[in-house]
Amino acid sequence: MIPAMDVKYINPFLQSSITIVESVTQMKLTVGKPEKTDFYIHDKSYTIQVGVVGEMKGQVIISMVEPYAKEIASRMMFGMPVEELDDMACSALNELSNMIMGNTATIFSTLGVLIDITPPLAVHGEKLQLKSDVDGLKVPLSFEGKNYINLYICVYQDK
């Protein structure tokens, strides 16, 4: 198993996630306690994986239980009701992941660390077991006391 990156590089992922989600949904997120993860997603969720390449390598996974994914998609579409995670709702959520990770790459560039991202890959289902060769850190992001997004960061710095 490849050890996770230095903790000082976690903040750009969190800063970007909070800033982007708040700007497109008007939801003010709070950061929960980070923990090592086994990558097991029990509940029915919409989970998006984005690869990281360049001076850092690995994956970032953004996971939302289905009701919260629908709410976030609805907020991104100016309140249009989202009854199911159809193509439009999924496209909005995938674009959210692109915005978060693109902004993260920009923040890292200001720190002198050059990274790029891969297109998002989404999975919708329950009882998902993901595997990674890189240790992962799970960071819950909450809105009004409810855990809306789990951010899984499993990247390492390529020396």
N, C-alpha and C. Protein backbone atom coordinates (compact mmCIF):
# COMPACT_ATOMS: atom_id res chain seq x y z
N MET A 1 0.84 -1.18 0.00
CA MET A 1 0.00 0.00 0.00
C MET A 1 0.89 1.24 0.00
N ILE A 2 0.58 2.19 -0.87
CA ILE A 2 1.32 3.44 -0.93
C ILE A 2 0.75 4.38 0.13
N PRO A 3 1.62 4.96 0.98
CA PRO A 3 1.11 5.86 2.01
C PRO A 3 0.49 7.12 1.38
N ALA A 4 -0.50 7.67 2.07
CA ALA A 4 -1.16 8.88 1.61
C ALA A 4 -0.19 10.06 1.65
N MET A 5 -0.59 11.13 1.02
CA MET A 5 0.26 12.32 0.94
C MET A 5 0.35 13.04 2.28
N ASP A 6 1.26 13.97 2.33
CA ASP A 6 1.46 14.81 3.49
C ASP A 6 0.16 15.55 3.81
N VAL A 7 -0.19 15.60 5.08
CA VAL A 7 -1.44 16.22 5.51
C VAL A 7 -1.57 17.67 5.07
N LYS A 8 -0.46 18.38 4.91
CA LYS A 8 -0.55 19.79 4.51
C LYS A 8 -1.18 19.98 3.13
N TYR A 9 -1.23 18.89 2.35
CA TYR A 9 -1.83 18.99 1.03
C TYR A 9 -3.32 18.61 1.02
N ILE A 10 -3.90 18.35 2.16
CA ILE A 10 -5.32 18.03 2.24
C ILE A 10 -6.17 19.30 2.09
N ASN A 11 -5.69 20.40 2.65
CA ASN A 11 -6.48 21.64 2.65
C ASN A 11 -6.93 22.12 1.28
N PRO A 12 -6.11 22.05 0.22
CA PRO A 12 -6.62 22.50 -1.08
C PRO A 12 -7.86 21.72 -1.55
N PHE A 13 -7.92 20.43 -1.25
CA PHE A 13 -9.10 19.64 -1.62
C PHE A 13 -10.33 20.12 -0.84
N LEU A 14 -10.14 20.36 0.45
CA LEU A 14 -11.26 20.80 1.29
C LEU A 14 -11.68 22.22 0.94
N GLN A 15 -10.71 23.11 0.78
CA GLN A 15 -11.00 24.50 0.45
C GLN A 15 -11.79 24.58 -0.86
N SER A 16 -11.36 23.85 -1.85
CA SER A 16 -12.03 23.85 -3.14
C SER A 16 -13.44 23.27 -3.03
N SER A 17 -13.59 22.15 -2.35
CA SER A 17 -14.90 21.52 -2.21
C SER A 17 -15.90 22.47 -1.55
N ILE A 18 -15.49 23.09 -0.47
CA ILE A 18 -16.38 23.98 0.27
C ILE A 18 -16.73 25.21 -0.58
N THR A 19 -15.73 25.81 -1.20
CA THR A 19 -15.96 27.02 -2.01
C THR A 19 -16.88 26.74 -3.20
N ILE A 20 -16.59 25.69 -3.94
CA ILE A 20 -17.37 25.39 -5.15
C ILE A 20 -18.79 24.98 -4.79
N VAL A 21 -18.96 24.07 -3.84
CA VAL A 21 -20.31 23.64 -3.48
C VAL A 21 -21.13 24.82 -2.99
N GLU A 22 -20.54 25.67 -2.16
CA GLU A 22 -21.28 26.83 -1.66
C GLU A 22 -21.67 27.77 -2.80
N SER A 23 -20.77 27.98 -3.75
CA SER A 23 -21.07 28.93 -4.83
C SER A 23 -22.15 28.43 -5.78
N VAL A 24 -22.26 27.12 -6.00
CA VAL A 24 -23.26 26.62 -6.95
C VAL A 24 -24.53 26.10 -6.31
N THR A 25 -24.53 25.90 -4.98
CA THR A 25 -25.73 25.36 -4.32
C THR A 25 -26.24 26.26 -3.19
N GLN A 26 -25.45 27.23 -2.77
CA GLN A 26 -25.78 28.07 -1.62
C GLN A 26 -25.85 27.27 -0.32
N MET A 27 -25.12 26.16 -0.27
CA MET A 27 -25.05 25.33 0.93
C MET A 27 -23.70 25.57 1.61
N LYS A 28 -23.74 26.00 2.85
CA LYS A 28 -22.51 26.25 3.59
C LYS A 28 -22.11 24.96 4.31
N LEU A 29 -21.06 24.33 3.78
CA LEU A 29 -20.61 23.05 4.32
C LEU A 29 -19.64 23.24 5.48
N THR A 30 -19.65 22.27 6.38
CA THR A 30 -18.66 22.21 7.44
C THR A 30 -17.89 20.90 7.30
N VAL A 31 -16.65 20.92 7.72
CA VAL A 31 -15.77 19.77 7.58
C VAL A 31 -15.83 18.93 8.85
N GLY A 32 -16.07 17.64 8.67
CA GLY A 32 -16.08 16.71 9.79
C GLY A 32 -14.69 16.16 10.06
N LYS A 33 -14.63 15.18 10.94
CA LYS A 33 -13.36 14.60 11.33
C LYS A 33 -12.86 13.63 10.26
N PRO A 34 -11.66 13.89 9.71
CA PRO A 34 -11.08 12.96 8.74
C PRO A 34 -10.74 11.62 9.39
N GLU A 35 -10.85 10.56 8.60
CA GLU A 35 -10.50 9.23 9.10
C GLU A 35 -10.00 8.37 7.95
N LYS A 36 -9.18 7.37 8.29
CA LYS A 36 -8.78 6.39 7.27
C LYS A 36 -10.03 5.66 6.81
N THR A 37 -10.01 5.21 5.57
CA THR A 37 -11.21 4.60 5.03
C THR A 37 -10.95 3.20 4.48
N ASP A 38 -12.01 2.40 4.49
CA ASP A 38 -11.95 1.08 3.87
C ASP A 38 -12.62 1.11 2.49
N PHE A 39 -13.10 2.28 2.08
CA PHE A 39 -13.75 2.47 0.77
C PHE A 39 -15.00 1.62 0.60
N TYR A 40 -15.71 1.37 1.68
CA TYR A 40 -16.97 0.64 1.57
C TYR A 40 -18.10 1.64 1.72
N ILE A 41 -18.93 1.75 0.67
CA ILE A 41 -20.04 2.71 0.67
C ILE A 41 -21.32 1.89 0.80
N HIS A 42 -21.93 1.93 1.98
CA HIS A 42 -23.06 1.06 2.31
C HIS A 42 -24.37 1.49 1.64
N ASP A 43 -24.71 2.75 1.78
CA ASP A 43 -26.01 3.24 1.33
C ASP A 43 -26.05 3.48 -0.17
N LYS A 44 -27.27 3.55 -0.71
CA LYS A 44 -27.43 3.86 -2.13
C LYS A 44 -26.91 5.27 -2.37
N SER A 45 -25.87 5.37 -3.19
CA SER A 45 -25.13 6.61 -3.36
C SER A 45 -24.81 6.89 -4.81
N TYR A 46 -24.53 8.16 -5.07
CA TYR A 46 -23.97 8.58 -6.35
C TYR A 46 -22.52 8.92 -6.05
N THR A 47 -21.61 8.18 -6.65
CA THR A 47 -20.19 8.27 -6.34
C THR A 47 -19.41 8.60 -7.60
N ILE A 48 -18.59 9.64 -7.51
CA ILE A 48 -17.83 10.12 -8.66
C ILE A 48 -16.34 10.01 -8.35
N GLN A 49 -15.60 9.39 -9.26
CA GLN A 49 -14.16 9.24 -9.11
C GLN A 49 -13.47 10.12 -10.15
N VAL A 50 -12.48 10.89 -9.70
CA VAL A 50 -11.68 11.73 -10.59
C VAL A 50 -10.22 11.39 -10.34
N GLY A 51 -9.51 11.07 -11.40
CA GLY A 51 -8.10 10.75 -11.28
C GLY A 51 -7.25 12.01 -11.17
N VAL A 52 -6.13 11.88 -10.47
CA VAL A 52 -5.16 12.97 -10.32
C VAL A 52 -3.85 12.49 -10.92
N VAL A 53 -3.28 13.29 -11.81
CA VAL A 53 -2.01 12.96 -12.45
C VAL A 53 -1.08 14.17 -12.37
N GLY A 54 0.20 13.94 -12.58
CA GLY A 54 1.18 15.02 -12.51
C GLY A 54 2.09 14.79 -11.32
N GLU A 55 2.36 15.86 -10.56
CA GLU A 55 3.24 15.75 -9.40
C GLU A 55 2.59 15.01 -8.24
N MET A 56 1.28 14.82 -8.32
CA MET A 56 0.55 13.96 -7.40
C MET A 56 -0.20 12.96 -8.26
N LYS A 57 -0.39 11.78 -7.70
CA LYS A 57 -1.08 10.73 -8.44
C LYS A 57 -2.09 10.06 -7.52
N GLY A 58 -3.17 9.60 -8.10
CA GLY A 58 -4.18 8.88 -7.33
C GLY A 58 -5.58 9.21 -7.77
N GLN A 59 -6.50 9.13 -6.82
CA GLN A 59 -7.92 9.34 -7.08
C GLN A 59 -8.53 10.19 -5.99
N VAL A 60 -9.54 10.94 -6.38
CA VAL A 60 -10.41 11.61 -5.41
C VAL A 60 -11.82 11.12 -5.72
N ILE A 61 -12.52 10.75 -4.68
CA ILE A 61 -13.87 10.21 -4.84
C ILE A 61 -14.82 11.09 -4.05
N ILE A 62 -15.87 11.51 -4.72
CA ILE A 62 -16.90 12.35 -4.12
C ILE A 62 -18.17 11.51 -4.08
N SER A 63 -18.69 11.23 -2.89
CA SER A 63 -19.84 10.35 -2.76
C SER A 63 -20.95 11.04 -1.97
N MET A 64 -22.18 10.87 -2.47
CA MET A 64 -23.36 11.45 -1.83
C MET A 64 -24.45 10.40 -1.78
N VAL A 65 -25.10 10.24 -0.64
CA VAL A 65 -26.24 9.32 -0.61
C VAL A 65 -27.30 9.89 -1.55
N GLU A 66 -28.10 9.02 -2.12
CA GLU A 66 -29.00 9.41 -3.21
C GLU A 66 -29.90 10.62 -2.91
N PRO A 67 -30.57 10.69 -1.76
CA PRO A 67 -31.42 11.86 -1.52
C PRO A 67 -30.64 13.18 -1.53
N TYR A 68 -29.42 13.16 -0.99
CA TYR A 68 -28.61 14.38 -0.97
C TYR A 68 -28.05 14.70 -2.35
N ALA A 69 -27.74 13.67 -3.14
CA ALA A 69 -27.31 13.90 -4.52
C ALA A 69 -28.43 14.58 -5.30
N LYS A 70 -29.66 14.13 -5.10
CA LYS A 70 -30.80 14.75 -5.77
C LYS A 70 -30.96 16.21 -5.34
N GLU A 71 -30.82 16.46 -4.05
CA GLU A 71 -30.96 17.84 -3.56
C GLU A 71 -29.86 18.74 -4.12
N ILE A 72 -28.64 18.25 -4.13
CA ILE A 72 -27.53 19.05 -4.66
C ILE A 72 -27.75 19.33 -6.14
N ALA A 73 -28.15 18.30 -6.90
CA ALA A 73 -28.43 18.50 -8.33
C ALA A 73 -29.56 19.52 -8.52
N SER A 74 -30.60 19.43 -7.72
CA SER A 74 -31.71 20.38 -7.80
C SER A 74 -31.24 21.81 -7.53
N ARG A 75 -30.44 21.98 -6.52
CA ARG A 75 -29.92 23.31 -6.19
C ARG A 75 -29.03 23.84 -7.32
N MET A 76 -28.27 22.94 -7.95
CA MET A 76 -27.41 23.38 -9.07
C MET A 76 -28.25 23.82 -10.27
N MET A 77 -29.48 23.27 -10.38
CA MET A 77 -30.37 23.59 -11.49
C MET A 77 -31.44 24.59 -11.05
N PHE A 78 -31.06 25.48 -10.12
CA PHE A 78 -31.90 26.58 -9.66
C PHE A 78 -33.24 26.13 -9.11
N GLY A 79 -33.25 25.01 -8.40
CA GLY A 79 -34.44 24.56 -7.72
C GLY A 79 -35.35 23.65 -8.52
N MET A 80 -34.96 23.33 -9.75
CA MET A 80 -35.78 22.41 -10.54
C MET A 80 -35.88 21.08 -9.78
N PRO A 81 -37.08 20.55 -9.58
CA PRO A 81 -37.21 19.30 -8.82
C PRO A 81 -36.45 18.15 -9.50
N VAL A 82 -35.75 17.37 -8.70
CA VAL A 82 -35.03 16.20 -9.20
C VAL A 82 -35.64 14.98 -8.51
N GLU A 83 -36.49 14.28 -9.25
CA GLU A 83 -37.17 13.09 -8.72
C GLU A 83 -36.29 11.85 -8.82
N GLU A 84 -35.43 11.83 -9.84
CA GLU A 84 -34.53 10.70 -10.04
C GLU A 84 -33.21 11.21 -10.58
N LEU A 85 -32.18 10.41 -10.44
CA LEU A 85 -30.87 10.81 -10.96
C LEU A 85 -30.81 10.44 -12.44
N ASP A 86 -31.47 11.27 -13.24
CA ASP A 86 -31.50 11.08 -14.68
C ASP A 86 -30.24 11.68 -15.31
N ASP A 87 -30.18 11.67 -16.64
CA ASP A 87 -28.98 12.16 -17.33
C ASP A 87 -28.64 13.60 -16.96
N MET A 88 -29.66 14.46 -16.85
CA MET A 88 -29.40 15.87 -16.54
C MET A 88 -28.85 16.03 -15.12
N ALA A 89 -29.45 15.34 -14.16
CA ALA A 89 -28.99 15.43 -12.77
C ALA A 89 -27.57 14.88 -12.65
N CYS A 90 -27.32 13.75 -13.30
CA CYS A 90 -25.98 13.14 -13.24
C CYS A 90 -24.95 14.05 -13.91
N SER A 91 -25.32 14.68 -15.00
CA SER A 91 -24.42 15.60 -15.67
C SER A 91 -24.06 16.77 -14.76
N ALA A 92 -25.05 17.28 -14.02
CA ALA A 92 -24.80 18.38 -13.08
C ALA A 92 -23.82 17.94 -11.98
N LEU A 93 -24.04 16.75 -11.43
CA LEU A 93 -23.17 16.26 -10.36
C LEU A 93 -21.76 15.99 -10.88
N ASN A 94 -21.65 15.43 -12.09
CA ASN A 94 -20.33 15.21 -12.66
C ASN A 94 -19.61 16.54 -12.90
N GLU A 95 -20.37 17.54 -13.35
CA GLU A 95 -19.76 18.86 -13.56
C GLU A 95 -19.31 19.46 -12.22
N LEU A 96 -20.06 19.21 -11.16
CA LEU A 96 -19.64 19.67 -9.84
C LEU A 96 -18.28 19.08 -9.49
N SER A 97 -18.09 17.80 -9.78
CA SER A 97 -16.79 17.17 -9.48
C SER A 97 -15.69 17.80 -10.33
N ASN A 98 -15.99 18.10 -11.59
CA ASN A 98 -15.00 18.77 -12.45
C ASN A 98 -14.64 20.15 -11.90
N MET A 99 -15.64 20.88 -11.45
CA MET A 99 -15.39 22.22 -10.90
C MET A 99 -14.55 22.15 -9.64
N ILE A 100 -14.89 21.21 -8.75
CA ILE A 100 -14.13 21.05 -7.50
C ILE A 100 -12.68 20.69 -7.80
N MET A 101 -12.48 19.69 -8.64
CA MET A 101 -11.12 19.21 -8.90
C MET A 101 -10.33 20.18 -9.77
N GLY A 102 -10.98 20.88 -10.70
CA GLY A 102 -10.29 21.90 -11.49
C GLY A 102 -9.81 23.03 -10.61
N ASN A 103 -10.65 23.44 -9.67
CA ASN A 103 -10.27 24.49 -8.72
C ASN A 103 -9.15 24.01 -7.80
N THR A 104 -9.21 22.73 -7.42
CA THR A 104 -8.13 22.15 -6.59
C THR A 104 -6.81 22.21 -7.34
N ALA A 105 -6.82 21.87 -8.64
CA ALA A 105 -5.59 21.93 -9.45
C ALA A 105 -5.05 23.36 -9.49
N THR A 106 -5.94 24.34 -9.57
CA THR A 106 -5.53 25.74 -9.59
C THR A 106 -4.88 26.13 -8.26
N ILE A 107 -5.49 25.71 -7.16
CA ILE A 107 -4.92 26.01 -5.84
C ILE A 107 -3.53 25.39 -5.71
N PHE A 108 -3.39 24.13 -6.13
CA PHE A 108 -2.09 23.48 -6.06
C PHE A 108 -1.06 24.21 -6.92
N SER A 109 -1.46 24.74 -8.07
CA SER A 109 -0.51 25.44 -8.93
C SER A 109 0.05 26.68 -8.23
N THR A 110 -0.78 27.34 -7.39
CA THR A 110 -0.28 28.50 -6.65
C THR A 110 0.71 28.09 -5.58
N LEU A 111 0.70 26.79 -5.22
CA LEU A 111 1.66 26.25 -4.25
C LEU A 111 2.89 25.65 -4.94
N GLY A 112 2.91 25.74 -6.27
CA GLY A 112 4.04 25.21 -7.03
C GLY A 112 3.95 23.72 -7.28
N VAL A 113 2.76 23.13 -7.12
CA VAL A 113 2.55 21.71 -7.36
C VAL A 113 1.62 21.59 -8.56
N LEU A 114 2.13 20.99 -9.64
CA LEU A 114 1.34 20.91 -10.87
C LEU A 114 0.65 19.56 -10.98
N ILE A 115 -0.68 19.61 -11.04
CA ILE A 115 -1.48 18.40 -11.23
C ILE A 115 -2.49 18.64 -12.34
N ASP A 116 -3.00 17.56 -12.86
CA ASP A 116 -4.09 17.62 -13.82
C ASP A 116 -5.11 16.57 -13.37
N ILE A 117 -6.30 16.62 -13.94
CA ILE A 117 -7.35 15.69 -13.55
C ILE A 117 -7.86 14.93 -14.76
N THR A 118 -8.42 13.75 -14.50
CA THR A 118 -9.03 12.95 -15.56
C THR A 118 -10.53 13.23 -15.57
N PRO A 119 -11.22 12.87 -16.65
CA PRO A 119 -12.68 13.03 -16.66
C PRO A 119 -13.31 12.18 -15.55
N PRO A 120 -14.45 12.64 -15.04
CA PRO A 120 -15.09 11.90 -13.94
C PRO A 120 -15.69 10.58 -14.41
N LEU A 121 -15.70 9.63 -13.50
CA LEU A 121 -16.36 8.35 -13.72
C LEU A 121 -17.33 8.18 -12.56
N ALA A 122 -18.61 8.01 -12.87
CA ALA A 122 -19.63 7.93 -11.82
C ALA A 122 -20.20 6.53 -11.72
N VAL A 123 -20.56 6.17 -10.49
CA VAL A 123 -21.21 4.91 -10.19
C VAL A 123 -22.40 5.22 -9.30
N HIS A 124 -23.54 4.60 -9.60
CA HIS A 124 -24.75 4.82 -8.82
C HIS A 124 -25.20 3.46 -8.30
N GLY A 125 -25.21 3.30 -6.99
CA GLY A 125 -25.62 2.01 -6.44
C GLY A 125 -25.40 1.96 -4.94
N GLU A 126 -25.57 0.78 -4.39
CA GLU A 126 -25.36 0.60 -2.95
C GLU A 126 -24.43 -0.58 -2.70
N LYS A 127 -23.90 -0.59 -1.51
CA LYS A 127 -22.95 -1.63 -1.10
C LYS A 127 -21.78 -1.69 -2.08
N LEU A 128 -21.18 -0.52 -2.31
CA LEU A 128 -20.05 -0.42 -3.22
C LEU A 128 -18.76 -0.64 -2.43
N GLN A 129 -17.87 -1.46 -2.96
CA GLN A 129 -16.56 -1.68 -2.36
C GLN A 129 -15.52 -1.24 -3.37
N LEU A 130 -14.83 -0.15 -3.08
CA LEU A 130 -13.80 0.37 -3.95
C LEU A 130 -12.44 -0.10 -3.44
N LYS A 131 -11.48 -0.22 -4.32
CA LYS A 131 -10.13 -0.65 -3.94
C LYS A 131 -9.13 0.37 -4.47
N SER A 132 -8.08 0.60 -3.70
CA SER A 132 -7.02 1.52 -4.11
C SER A 132 -5.69 1.02 -3.58
N ASP A 133 -4.64 1.28 -4.35
CA ASP A 133 -3.29 0.96 -3.88
C ASP A 133 -2.72 2.07 -3.00
N VAL A 134 -3.49 3.14 -2.86
CA VAL A 134 -3.06 4.29 -2.08
C VAL A 134 -3.95 4.38 -0.84
N ASP A 135 -3.34 4.59 0.33
CA ASP A 135 -4.13 4.79 1.54
C ASP A 135 -5.12 5.94 1.31
N GLY A 136 -6.32 5.78 1.78
CA GLY A 136 -7.34 6.79 1.59
C GLY A 136 -7.74 7.48 2.87
N LEU A 137 -8.14 8.74 2.72
CA LEU A 137 -8.63 9.54 3.82
C LEU A 137 -10.05 9.95 3.47
N LYS A 138 -10.99 9.68 4.37
CA LYS A 138 -12.39 10.06 4.16
C LYS A 138 -12.68 11.29 5.00
N VAL A 139 -13.21 12.34 4.34
CA VAL A 139 -13.54 13.58 5.03
C VAL A 139 -15.03 13.87 4.79
N PRO A 140 -15.84 13.82 5.85
CA PRO A 140 -17.26 14.14 5.68
C PRO A 140 -17.46 15.66 5.58
N LEU A 141 -18.35 16.06 4.68
CA LEU A 141 -18.72 17.46 4.53
C LEU A 141 -20.21 17.55 4.82
N SER A 142 -20.58 18.36 5.83
CA SER A 142 -21.95 18.40 6.31
C SER A 142 -22.62 19.73 6.03
N PHE A 143 -23.93 19.66 5.92
CA PHE A 143 -24.78 20.85 5.77
C PHE A 143 -25.91 20.71 6.78
N GLU A 144 -26.07 21.71 7.62
CA GLU A 144 -27.10 21.72 8.67
C GLU A 144 -27.07 20.43 9.50
N GLY A 145 -25.85 19.99 9.83
CA GLY A 145 -25.67 18.84 10.70
C GLY A 145 -25.83 17.49 10.03
N LYS A 146 -26.09 17.47 8.72
CA LYS A 146 -26.26 16.20 8.00
C LYS A 146 -25.08 15.99 7.05
N ASN A 147 -24.57 14.77 7.03
CA ASN A 147 -23.42 14.44 6.20
C ASN A 147 -23.85 14.33 4.73
N TYR A 148 -23.65 15.39 3.96
CA TYR A 148 -24.09 15.46 2.57
C TYR A 148 -23.10 14.83 1.60
N ILE A 149 -21.82 15.04 1.83
CA ILE A 149 -20.79 14.59 0.89
C ILE A 149 -19.68 13.91 1.68
N ASN A 150 -19.22 12.77 1.17
CA ASN A 150 -18.00 12.17 1.69
C ASN A 150 -16.93 12.36 0.62
N LEU A 151 -15.86 12.99 1.01
CA LEU A 151 -14.73 13.23 0.12
C LEU A 151 -13.64 12.24 0.48
N TYR A 152 -13.31 11.37 -0.48
CA TYR A 152 -12.26 10.37 -0.26
C TYR A 152 -11.03 10.85 -1.04
N ILE A 153 -9.95 11.08 -0.32
CA ILE A 153 -8.72 11.56 -0.94
C ILE A 153 -7.70 10.45 -0.84
N CYS A 154 -7.31 9.91 -1.98
CA CYS A 154 -6.29 8.86 -1.98
C CYS A 154 -5.27 9.19 -3.08
N VAL A 155 -4.42 10.14 -2.74
CA VAL A 155 -3.37 10.57 -3.66
C VAL A 155 -2.04 10.57 -2.91
N TYR A 156 -0.96 10.52 -3.68
CA TYR A 156 0.37 10.61 -3.09
C TYR A 156 1.21 11.53 -3.95
N GLN A 157 2.22 12.12 -3.34
CA GLN A 157 3.09 13.03 -4.07
C GLN A 157 4.14 12.21 -4.79
N ASP A 158 4.26 12.43 -6.10
CA ASP A 158 5.22 11.73 -6.92
C ASP A 158 6.55 12.49 -6.85
N LYS A 159 7.51 11.91 -6.20
CA LYS A 159 8.79 12.61 -5.95
C LYS A 159 9.63 12.71 -7.19
